[in-house]
């Protein structure tokens, strides 16, 4: 998240991030982070979430213009490699703050049920959403 007082990124689902070279961003994930259903939040969720943007035309697909690869580096770390033909470190840093992480164990089932059809996935009613953080939905309406 962005610290509104100094404009710096402060890790929440992660514990730290660093550029290991000009083209590689390494992110350490919080080993204690869990989804609201109790499942652990892992590097597989992060990779899966980024890959959704590569697979479908969705809100974070545009980041793939600057990213060559997103890979797990163990269960609690992720490596983002920039596109050598179009690197943009600031935009990739924006991505780690703006892309909403998706629980792979939930959304891969939705994809299967929808035969990977984005129009069908968009019609999915997520009445019991699973997310990270301390809160669960109490109710919602129009």
C-alpha atoms as a PDB file:
ATOM      1  CA  UNK A   1       0.000   0.000   0.000  1.00  0.00           C
ATOM      2  CA  UNK A   2       1.103   3.589  -0.459  1.00  0.00           C
ATOM      3  CA  UNK A   3       1.936   5.543   2.688  1.00  0.00           C
ATOM      4  CA  UNK A   4      -0.040   8.769   2.202  1.00  0.00           C
ATOM      5  CA  UNK A   5       2.418  10.721   4.383  1.00  0.00           C
ATOM      6  CA  UNK A   6       5.628  10.016   2.473  1.00  0.00           C
ATOM      7  CA  UNK A   7       4.469   8.392  -0.804  1.00  0.00           C
ATOM      8  CA  UNK A   8       6.495   5.220  -0.228  1.00  0.00           C
ATOM      9  CA  UNK A   9       5.233   1.685  -0.735  1.00  0.00           C
ATOM     10  CA  UNK A  10       4.717  -0.239   2.503  1.00  0.00           C
ATOM     11  CA  UNK A  11       4.395  -4.010   2.168  1.00  0.00           C
ATOM     12  CA  UNK A  12       1.299  -5.672   3.672  1.00  0.00           C
ATOM     13  CA  UNK A  13       0.892  -9.046   1.982  1.00  0.00           C
ATOM     14  CA  UNK A  14       4.606  -8.922   1.473  1.00  0.00           C
ATOM     15  CA  UNK A  15       7.393  -8.136   3.887  1.00  0.00           C
ATOM     16  CA  UNK A  16       9.795  -6.476   1.467  1.00  0.00           C
ATOM     17  CA  UNK A  17      10.631  -5.921  -2.167  1.00  0.00           C
ATOM     18  CA  UNK A  18      13.901  -5.109  -3.875  1.00  0.00           C
ATOM     19  CA  UNK A  19      15.391  -4.803  -7.325  1.00  0.00           C
ATOM     20  CA  UNK A  20      18.013  -7.535  -7.516  1.00  0.00           C
ATOM     21  CA  UNK A  21      19.226  -6.129 -10.846  1.00  0.00           C
ATOM     22  CA  UNK A  22      17.920  -3.641 -13.429  1.00  0.00           C
ATOM     23  CA  UNK A  23      15.350  -6.118 -14.738  1.00  0.00           C
ATOM     24  CA  UNK A  24      14.286  -8.215 -11.733  1.00  0.00           C
ATOM     25  CA  UNK A  25      12.001  -7.345  -8.832  1.00  0.00           C
ATOM     26  CA  UNK A  26      12.101  -9.795  -5.921  1.00  0.00           C
ATOM     27  CA  UNK A  27       9.184  -9.761  -3.470  1.00  0.00           C
ATOM     28  CA  UNK A  28       9.147 -11.564  -0.126  1.00  0.00           C
ATOM     29  CA  UNK A  29       5.634 -12.518   0.990  1.00  0.00           C
ATOM     30  CA  UNK A  30       4.314 -12.468   4.538  1.00  0.00           C
ATOM     31  CA  UNK A  31       4.488 -16.123   5.641  1.00  0.00           C
ATOM     32  CA  UNK A  32       1.632 -15.525   8.104  1.00  0.00           C
ATOM     33  CA  UNK A  33      -0.793 -14.044   5.535  1.00  0.00           C
ATOM     34  CA  UNK A  34      -3.932 -16.079   4.965  1.00  0.00           C
ATOM     35  CA  UNK A  35      -7.071 -15.864   2.900  1.00  0.00           C
ATOM     36  CA  UNK A  36     -10.279 -15.252   4.828  1.00  0.00           C
ATOM     37  CA  UNK A  37     -11.143 -18.962   4.461  1.00  0.00           C
ATOM     38  CA  UNK A  38      -7.959 -19.873   6.335  1.00  0.00           C
ATOM     39  CA  UNK A  39      -5.912 -21.016   3.326  1.00  0.00           C
ATOM     40  CA  UNK A  40      -2.359 -19.646   3.210  1.00  0.00           C
ATOM     41  CA  UNK A  41      -1.563 -16.781   0.844  1.00  0.00           C
ATOM     42  CA  UNK A  42       1.404 -17.959  -1.248  1.00  0.00           C
ATOM     43  CA  UNK A  43       3.507 -17.128  -4.268  1.00  0.00           C
ATOM     44  CA  UNK A  44       1.208 -19.392  -6.328  1.00  0.00           C
ATOM     45  CA  UNK A  45      -1.628 -16.910  -5.711  1.00  0.00           C
ATOM     46  CA  UNK A  46       0.515 -13.986  -6.868  1.00  0.00           C
ATOM     47  CA  UNK A  47       1.704 -15.774 -10.018  1.00  0.00           C
ATOM     48  CA  UNK A  48      -1.853 -16.929 -10.760  1.00  0.00           C
ATOM     49  CA  UNK A  49      -3.212 -13.396 -10.335  1.00  0.00           C
ATOM     50  CA  UNK A  50      -0.652 -11.863 -12.691  1.00  0.00           C
ATOM     51  CA  UNK A  51      -1.240 -14.684 -15.200  1.00  0.00           C
ATOM     52  CA  UNK A  52      -4.965 -13.870 -15.247  1.00  0.00           C
ATOM     53  CA  UNK A  53      -3.984 -10.497 -16.694  1.00  0.00           C
ATOM     54  CA  UNK A  54      -1.983 -12.222 -19.400  1.00  0.00           C
ATOM     55  CA  UNK A  55      -4.713 -14.775 -20.148  1.00  0.00           C
ATOM     56  CA  UNK A  56      -7.710 -12.421 -20.219  1.00  0.00           C
ATOM     57  CA  UNK A  57      -8.302  -8.796 -21.170  1.00  0.00           C
ATOM     58  CA  UNK A  58      -8.871  -7.451 -17.646  1.00  0.00           C
ATOM     59  CA  UNK A  59      -7.904  -4.446 -15.519  1.00  0.00           C
ATOM     60  CA  UNK A  60      -4.255  -5.420 -15.093  1.00  0.00           C
ATOM     61  CA  UNK A  61      -3.531  -6.877 -18.524  1.00  0.00           C
ATOM     62  CA  UNK A  62      -1.677  -3.711 -19.557  1.00  0.00           C
ATOM     63  CA  UNK A  63       1.144  -4.470 -17.101  1.00  0.00           C
ATOM     64  CA  UNK A  64       2.245  -7.319 -19.345  1.00  0.00           C
ATOM     65  CA  UNK A  65       3.580  -4.733 -21.810  1.00  0.00           C
ATOM     66  CA  UNK A  66       6.354  -4.164 -19.248  1.00  0.00           C
ATOM     67  CA  UNK A  67       6.659  -7.656 -17.744  1.00  0.00           C
ATOM     68  CA  UNK A  68       8.293 -10.688 -19.341  1.00  0.00           C
ATOM     69  CA  UNK A  69       7.617 -13.170 -16.534  1.00  0.00           C
ATOM     70  CA  UNK A  70       6.212 -13.590 -13.033  1.00  0.00           C
ATOM     71  CA  UNK A  71       7.488 -16.678 -11.234  1.00  0.00           C
ATOM     72  CA  UNK A  72       7.383 -18.193  -7.774  1.00  0.00           C
ATOM     73  CA  UNK A  73      10.716 -18.211  -5.987  1.00  0.00           C
ATOM     74  CA  UNK A  74       9.691 -20.698  -3.319  1.00  0.00           C
ATOM     75  CA  UNK A  75       6.349 -20.676  -1.478  1.00  0.00           C
ATOM     76  CA  UNK A  76       6.764 -17.153  -0.080  1.00  0.00           C
ATOM     77  CA  UNK A  77       8.633 -15.170  -2.710  1.00  0.00           C
ATOM     78  CA  UNK A  78       7.967 -13.939  -6.224  1.00  0.00           C
ATOM     79  CA  UNK A  79      10.264 -12.756  -8.984  1.00  0.00           C
ATOM     80  CA  UNK A  80       8.989 -10.326 -11.621  1.00  0.00           C
ATOM     81  CA  UNK A  81      11.202 -10.007 -14.689  1.00  0.00           C
ATOM     82  CA  UNK A  82      10.808  -6.931 -16.834  1.00  0.00           C
ATOM     83  CA  UNK A  83      10.281  -7.023 -20.582  1.00  0.00           C
ATOM     84  CA  UNK A  84      13.763  -6.230 -21.984  1.00  0.00           C
ATOM     85  CA  UNK A  85      12.203  -4.431 -24.969  1.00  0.00           C
ATOM     86  CA  UNK A  86       9.913  -2.246 -22.861  1.00  0.00           C
ATOM     87  CA  UNK A  87      11.050  -2.110 -19.216  1.00  0.00           C
ATOM     88  CA  UNK A  88       9.303   0.288 -16.861  1.00  0.00           C
ATOM     89  CA  UNK A  89      10.282  -0.153 -13.225  1.00  0.00           C
ATOM     90  CA  UNK A  90       7.819   2.424 -11.875  1.00  0.00           C
ATOM     91  CA  UNK A  91       4.862   0.849 -13.652  1.00  0.00           C
ATOM     92  CA  UNK A  92       5.824  -2.591 -12.359  1.00  0.00           C
ATOM     93  CA  UNK A  93       6.064  -1.166  -8.829  1.00  0.00           C
ATOM     94  CA  UNK A  94       2.573   0.257  -9.366  1.00  0.00           C
ATOM     95  CA  UNK A  95       1.403  -3.233 -10.287  1.00  0.00           C
ATOM     96  CA  UNK A  96       2.375  -4.724  -6.932  1.00  0.00           C
ATOM     97  CA  UNK A  97       0.297  -2.068  -5.212  1.00  0.00           C
ATOM     98  CA  UNK A  98      -2.710  -1.931  -7.548  1.00  0.00           C
ATOM     99  CA  UNK A  99      -3.409  -5.492  -8.688  1.00  0.00           C
ATOM    100  CA  UNK A 100      -5.916  -7.163  -6.352  1.00  0.00           C
ATOM    101  CA  UNK A 101      -4.589 -10.577  -5.406  1.00  0.00           C
ATOM    102  CA  UNK A 102      -6.914 -13.451  -6.265  1.00  0.00           C
ATOM    103  CA  UNK A 103      -7.138 -16.755  -4.376  1.00  0.00           C
ATOM    104  CA  UNK A 104      -6.007 -19.369  -6.869  1.00  0.00           C
ATOM    105  CA  UNK A 105      -7.856 -22.157  -5.062  1.00  0.00           C
ATOM    106  CA  UNK A 106     -11.165 -20.322  -5.633  1.00  0.00           C
ATOM    107  CA  UNK A 107     -10.742 -18.708  -9.026  1.00  0.00           C
ATOM    108  CA  UNK A 108      -9.206 -21.640 -10.868  1.00  0.00           C
ATOM    109  CA  UNK A 109     -12.398 -23.550 -10.029  1.00  0.00           C
ATOM    110  CA  UNK A 110     -14.484 -20.659 -11.384  1.00  0.00           C
ATOM    111  CA  UNK A 111     -12.379 -20.718 -14.553  1.00  0.00           C
ATOM    112  CA  UNK A 112     -12.927 -24.467 -14.967  1.00  0.00           C
ATOM    113  CA  UNK A 113     -16.668 -24.142 -14.368  1.00  0.00           C
ATOM    114  CA  UNK A 114     -16.799 -21.334 -16.955  1.00  0.00           C
ATOM    115  CA  UNK A 115     -14.621 -23.156 -19.501  1.00  0.00           C
ATOM    116  CA  UNK A 116     -12.191 -20.230 -19.331  1.00  0.00           C
ATOM    117  CA  UNK A 117     -14.762 -17.969 -20.969  1.00  0.00           C
ATOM    118  CA  UNK A 118     -14.286 -14.424 -19.651  1.00  0.00           C
ATOM    119  CA  UNK A 119     -17.885 -13.377 -20.362  1.00  0.00           C
ATOM    120  CA  UNK A 120     -19.147 -16.297 -18.268  1.00  0.00           C
ATOM    121  CA  UNK A 121     -16.605 -15.623 -15.516  1.00  0.00           C
ATOM    122  CA  UNK A 122     -17.782 -12.004 -15.336  1.00  0.00           C
ATOM    123  CA  UNK A 123     -21.320 -13.240 -14.647  1.00  0.00           C
ATOM    124  CA  UNK A 124     -20.102 -15.205 -11.612  1.00  0.00           C
ATOM    125  CA  UNK A 125     -21.883 -14.123  -8.447  1.00  0.00           C
ATOM    126  CA  UNK A 126     -19.316 -14.232  -5.690  1.00  0.00           C
ATOM    127  CA  UNK A 127     -21.749 -14.362  -2.762  1.00  0.00           C
ATOM    128  CA  UNK A 128     -19.095 -15.520  -0.304  1.00  0.00           C
ATOM    129  CA  UNK A 129     -15.922 -13.708  -1.378  1.00  0.00           C
ATOM    130  CA  UNK A 130     -12.559 -14.896  -0.130  1.00  0.00           C
ATOM    131  CA  UNK A 131      -9.991 -12.142   0.357  1.00  0.00           C
ATOM    132  CA  UNK A 132      -6.986 -11.241   2.462  1.00  0.00           C
ATOM    133  CA  UNK A 133      -7.177  -8.924   5.420  1.00  0.00           C
ATOM    134  CA  UNK A 134      -9.006  -8.792   8.706  1.00  0.00           C
ATOM    135  CA  UNK A 135     -12.540  -8.215   7.410  1.00  0.00           C
ATOM    136  CA  UNK A 136     -15.276 -10.354   5.919  1.00  0.00           C
ATOM    137  CA  UNK A 137     -18.371  -9.063   4.137  1.00  0.00           C
ATOM    138  CA  UNK A 138     -21.290  -8.762   6.501  1.00  0.00           C
ATOM    139  CA  UNK A 139     -23.833  -7.887   3.796  1.00  0.00           C
ATOM    140  CA  UNK A 140     -24.125  -6.142   0.452  1.00  0.00           C
ATOM    141  CA  UNK A 141     -26.950  -4.739  -1.651  1.00  0.00           C
ATOM    142  CA  UNK A 142     -27.585  -2.500  -4.625  1.00  0.00           C
END
